Protein backbone atom coordinates (compact mmCIF):
# COMPACT_ATOMS: atom_id res chain seq x y z
CA SER A 1 71.87 73.15 110.91
CA PRO A 2 69.79 72.97 107.90
CA ASP A 3 67.21 75.84 109.09
CA VAL A 4 70.40 78.48 109.13
CA PRO A 5 71.45 79.90 105.70
CA MET A 6 75.31 79.46 105.12
CA ALA A 7 76.93 82.14 103.76
CA THR A 8 77.93 82.26 100.16
CA GLU A 9 80.43 85.47 100.15
CA ILE A 10 83.08 86.41 101.86
CA THR A 11 83.94 90.27 102.55
CA SER A 12 87.17 91.17 103.69
CA TYR A 13 87.04 94.38 105.85
CA SER A 14 91.02 94.76 106.71
CA ASP A 15 91.40 97.13 104.10
CA ARG A 16 88.53 99.39 106.19
CA ILE A 17 90.04 99.01 109.67
CA GLN A 18 94.00 98.67 109.48
CA GLY A 19 95.91 102.16 108.51
CA THR A 20 96.31 105.50 109.39
CA PHE A 21 92.82 107.47 109.48
CA SER A 22 92.43 111.33 109.94
CA GLY A 23 89.30 112.10 112.07
CA THR A 24 86.78 115.55 112.34
CA SER A 25 84.59 116.05 114.86
CA SER A 26 80.99 117.29 114.29
CA ASP A 27 80.65 118.57 117.89
CA GLU A 28 80.50 122.40 117.98
CA ALA A 29 83.07 122.29 120.91
CA THR A 30 85.11 120.21 119.33
CA LYS A 31 85.12 121.56 115.58
CA ASP A 32 88.46 122.66 115.34
CA CYS A 33 90.21 119.45 116.51
CA THR A 34 92.19 117.41 113.99
CA SER A 35 92.88 113.86 115.15
CA ALA A 36 94.96 110.67 114.22
CA LEU A 37 93.64 106.77 114.81
CA VAL A 38 96.54 104.31 113.64
CA LEU A 39 94.93 100.50 113.77
CA ALA A 40 97.51 98.11 113.34
CA ALA A 41 97.77 94.71 112.15
CA ASP A 42 98.57 92.71 115.52
CA GLY A 43 95.26 94.31 116.95
CA THR A 44 96.74 97.69 118.61
CA TYR A 45 96.28 101.19 118.06
CA THR A 46 97.36 104.62 118.92
CA LEU A 47 94.65 107.62 119.12
CA THR A 48 96.10 111.22 118.92
CA VAL A 49 93.74 114.48 119.18
CA THR A 50 95.21 118.36 118.17
CA LYS A 51 93.68 121.42 119.05
CA ASP A 52 95.24 124.71 118.15
CA GLY A 53 98.07 122.87 117.23
CA LYS A 54 99.34 121.18 120.33
CA GLU A 55 98.13 117.67 121.08
CA SER A 56 95.18 117.42 123.41
CA TYR A 57 94.47 113.83 123.95
CA THR A 58 96.21 110.44 123.40
CA GLU A 59 95.72 107.07 123.85
CA LYS A 60 97.19 103.73 123.02
CA GLY A 61 95.31 100.04 123.72
CA THR A 62 94.16 97.28 121.55
CA PHE A 63 91.29 96.95 119.21
CA GLU A 64 88.35 94.40 117.92
CA THR A 65 86.18 94.25 115.63
CA ALA A 66 82.78 92.24 115.34
CA ALA A 67 79.65 91.75 113.53
CA SER A 68 76.84 93.75 114.59
CA PRO A 69 73.29 94.63 113.44
CA MET A 70 74.63 97.64 112.18
CA GLY A 71 77.62 96.47 110.31
CA VAL A 72 80.96 95.75 111.37
CA SER A 73 81.62 97.37 114.98
CA LEU A 74 85.04 98.41 116.17
CA THR A 75 85.99 98.25 119.72
CA LEU A 76 89.13 100.45 121.25
CA LYS A 77 90.18 99.29 124.66
CA SER A 78 92.84 101.25 125.98
CA ASP A 79 95.34 100.65 128.46
CA LYS A 80 93.80 102.73 131.04
CA GLY A 81 90.62 101.12 131.06
CA ALA A 82 88.21 102.98 129.00
CA THR A 83 86.80 101.31 126.29
CA ALA A 84 84.63 103.09 122.75
CA THR A 85 82.73 101.44 120.33
CA GLY A 86 82.09 102.76 116.77
CA VAL A 87 80.66 101.47 113.23
CA VAL A 88 83.00 100.99 110.30
CA SER A 89 81.18 101.73 107.00
CA ALA A 90 82.68 101.44 103.54
CA ALA A 91 83.50 105.12 103.67
CA SER A 92 84.40 105.96 107.72
CA ILE A 93 84.72 104.81 111.28
CA ASN A 94 82.59 106.69 112.90
CA ILE A 95 83.70 106.65 116.74
CA ASN A 96 82.92 108.42 120.46
CA HIS A 97 86.04 109.23 122.22
CA PRO A 98 87.39 112.13 124.66
CA ALA A 99 88.98 115.32 122.95
CA SER A 100 90.58 116.41 125.91
CA SER A 101 92.75 114.94 128.82
CA SER A 102 91.35 117.71 130.82
CA ASP A 103 87.58 116.44 129.91
CA ALA A 104 86.48 112.61 129.67
CA THR A 105 83.10 113.68 127.66
CA ALA A 106 83.26 111.56 124.76
CA VAL A 107 82.64 113.14 121.65
CA GLY A 108 82.00 111.59 118.03
CA PHE A 109 84.75 111.76 115.80
CA GLN A 110 84.53 110.16 111.70
CA TYR A 111 87.61 108.72 110.90
CA SER A 112 88.81 108.27 106.79
CA LYS A 113 91.73 107.37 105.04
C-alpha cells in the first residue's frame, strides 16, 4: 500500500543473537550465580546456571526472534514446555529465567558476549 512506509535499510541481528553469551543477575538472591546461554544457528539453545561452582539449572530448547516495540525480542521455548521472552539490544540480551532447578521463580539475567 502506498500509505505504508517501506524500509530502506535492513539491519542484521545474527551476530547479536547467535553464539555463546555470559550472564549475570542483578537480583540480590542470585547475584553470585554465573550463567551461559548458547544460541546456535539452527535455532536451538542451551542455558546453564552455576552457583558456588555447581550447576544449579540447565535447560535446552529452541529460540525465535521477532521485531517488537522494544526492538528485537528473543523467545526461548524449553524442551520442558517453559517459555521465556527477553529483549536483544546492541549491548546485551536481557531475559528472565530460573536460576535453580529447585525453584522455578524467574530471575532477570543480562547476557553479553
